[in-house]
Protein backbone atom coordinates (compact mmCIF):
# COMPACT_ATOMS: atom_id res chain seq x y z
CA MET A 1 107.23 77.70 87.96
CA ASN A 2 109.62 74.89 86.81
CA PHE A 3 110.02 71.84 88.95
CA THR A 4 113.72 72.85 90.26
CA LYS A 5 112.12 76.02 91.73
CA ALA A 6 109.14 74.22 93.07
CA PHE A 7 111.38 71.67 94.67
CA ALA A 8 113.41 74.61 96.38
CA VAL A 9 110.31 76.32 97.51
CA PHE A 10 108.86 73.18 98.97
CA MET A 11 112.24 72.50 100.73
CA GLN A 12 112.19 75.94 102.23
CA ILE A 13 108.54 76.20 103.05
CA ASP A 14 108.86 78.46 105.92
CA SER A 15 111.08 81.01 104.19
CA LYS A 16 109.81 84.41 103.90
CA GLU A 17 111.55 84.69 100.58
CA PHE A 18 108.65 83.04 98.78
CA THR A 19 105.08 84.21 98.47
CA GLU A 20 102.00 82.02 99.82
CA ASP A 21 100.98 81.74 96.08
CA GLU A 22 104.50 80.37 95.12
CA LYS A 23 104.28 77.86 98.12
CA TYR A 24 100.97 76.67 97.13
CA GLU A 25 101.92 76.18 93.56
CA ALA A 26 105.17 74.49 94.74
CA ILE A 27 103.36 72.08 96.95
CA GLN A 28 100.89 71.14 93.99
CA GLN A 29 103.95 70.58 91.64
CA VAL A 30 105.79 68.31 94.21
CA LEU A 31 102.41 66.33 94.95
CA ASP A 32 101.92 65.90 91.10
CA ALA A 33 105.29 64.59 90.60
CA ALA A 34 105.83 61.12 89.61
CA THR A 35 108.49 60.37 92.22
CA ILE A 36 109.91 62.45 95.11
CA ASN A 37 112.69 60.22 96.27
CA SER A 38 114.85 62.78 97.69
CA ILE A 39 112.10 64.45 99.93
CA THR A 40 112.58 63.28 103.68
CA LYS A 41 109.61 62.50 105.77
CA LYS A 42 110.76 65.27 108.06
CA GLN A 43 110.35 67.79 105.07
CA VAL A 44 106.93 66.52 104.11
CA LEU A 45 105.85 66.88 107.73
CA ASN A 46 107.26 70.52 107.76
CA VAL A 47 105.05 71.31 104.77
CA VAL A 48 102.15 69.69 106.26
CA SER A 49 102.71 71.58 109.46
CA TRP A 50 102.89 74.73 107.60
CA LEU A 51 99.52 74.22 105.80
CA PHE A 52 97.94 73.12 109.13
CA ASN A 53 99.02 76.26 111.08
CA LYS A 54 97.97 78.40 108.18
CA GLN A 55 94.44 76.88 108.14
CA GLN A 56 94.12 77.01 112.00
CA LYS A 57 94.93 80.69 112.00
CA TYR A 58 92.61 81.86 109.40
CA ARG A 59 89.57 79.55 110.13
CA TRP A 60 86.20 80.68 111.30
CA HIS A 61 85.51 80.39 115.03
CA ASP A 62 81.90 79.59 115.56
CA LEU A 63 80.64 81.31 118.71
CA ARG A 64 77.30 79.38 118.45
CA LYS A 65 79.19 76.13 119.34
CA ASN A 66 81.84 77.86 121.57
CA PRO A 67 80.86 81.08 122.93
CA ASP A 68 84.05 81.53 125.06
CA ASP A 69 86.30 81.19 121.93
CA LEU A 70 87.12 85.00 121.64
CA PRO A 71 89.93 86.61 120.03
CA GLU A 72 92.65 88.66 122.15
CA ASP A 73 91.40 91.95 123.24
CA ASN A 74 91.38 94.69 120.72
CA LYS A 75 92.64 92.38 118.00
CA GLN A 76 91.06 93.49 114.58
CA VAL A 77 89.06 90.53 113.19
CA LEU A 78 86.22 89.78 110.66
CA VAL A 79 82.96 88.86 112.08
CA SER A 80 79.85 87.29 110.65
CA ILE A 81 76.67 88.74 111.83
CA LYS A 82 73.15 87.27 111.96
CA ASP A 83 71.98 89.36 109.03
CA GLY A 84 74.72 87.63 106.85
CA CYS A 85 77.08 90.68 106.67
CA ILE A 86 80.72 90.47 107.35
CA HIS A 87 82.29 93.31 109.28
CA ARG A 88 85.79 94.30 110.39
CA THR A 89 85.72 94.90 114.22
CA TRP A 90 87.62 94.13 117.36
CA HIS A 91 86.30 92.59 120.78
CA ASP A 92 87.27 94.30 124.11
CA SER A 93 86.11 93.85 127.77
CA HIS A 94 82.70 95.42 126.84
CA GLY A 95 81.94 93.35 123.85
CA TRP A 96 82.13 93.54 120.16
CA ARG A 97 82.69 96.92 118.96
CA ASN A 98 80.60 98.40 116.01
CA ARG A 99 82.32 101.29 114.05
CA ASN A 100 79.69 101.60 111.44
CA SER A 101 76.55 102.52 113.51
CA LYS A 102 75.36 104.77 116.38
CA ILE A 103 75.14 101.61 118.43
CA ARG A 104 78.57 101.23 119.71
CA TYR A 105 78.62 97.51 120.39
CA TYR A 106 77.15 94.39 118.61
CA SER A 107 75.14 92.12 120.95
CA ASP A 108 77.13 88.92 121.80
CA LYS A 109 74.08 86.98 120.26
CA SER A 110 74.20 88.82 116.98
CA VAL A 111 77.91 87.85 116.18
CA LEU A 112 77.83 84.39 114.95
CA ALA A 113 81.79 83.73 114.19
CA TRP A 114 84.90 85.59 113.98
CA ARG A 115 88.20 84.93 112.13
CA GLU A 116 91.69 86.73 111.89
CA ILE A 117 92.32 89.10 109.11
CA GLU A 118 94.96 87.48 106.77
CA GLU A 119 97.97 89.56 106.38
CA PHE A 120 98.57 91.25 103.14
CA GLU A 121 101.72 90.29 101.30
CA SER A 122 102.99 93.21 99.26
CA GLU A 123 105.91 92.95 96.82
CA GLU A 124 108.75 95.16 97.99
CA GLU A 125 109.71 97.43 95.04
CA ASP A 126 113.45 97.81 94.10
CA GLU A 127 114.34 101.37 94.31
CA ASP A 128 117.73 100.86 92.54
């Protein structure tokens, strides 16, 4: 990516026009630039906010430290189980669902942490 495009992506960090990889590459190029005189404090804070929100959304929620930090009911999440495995599941009013076993629920003590599943960005194909 050339610097002109990197600068444009940086300035429009919230735009859905660019992929996350392009946004990360643009941020790195702008940070590596010798000078960034035309970038305002507000634009830098907008990028920092975007990075912070991304990190917060997909962080691991450690249930050993905060057992009440549960996802929304029926939201698909990844969980880390005591045996070290990572499973895709959801939590509802009865507890943590277990799709891969005859046991219908994980015990609350066996689930160590959970995190949201990051959305997959697919490139839309032009059918022209």
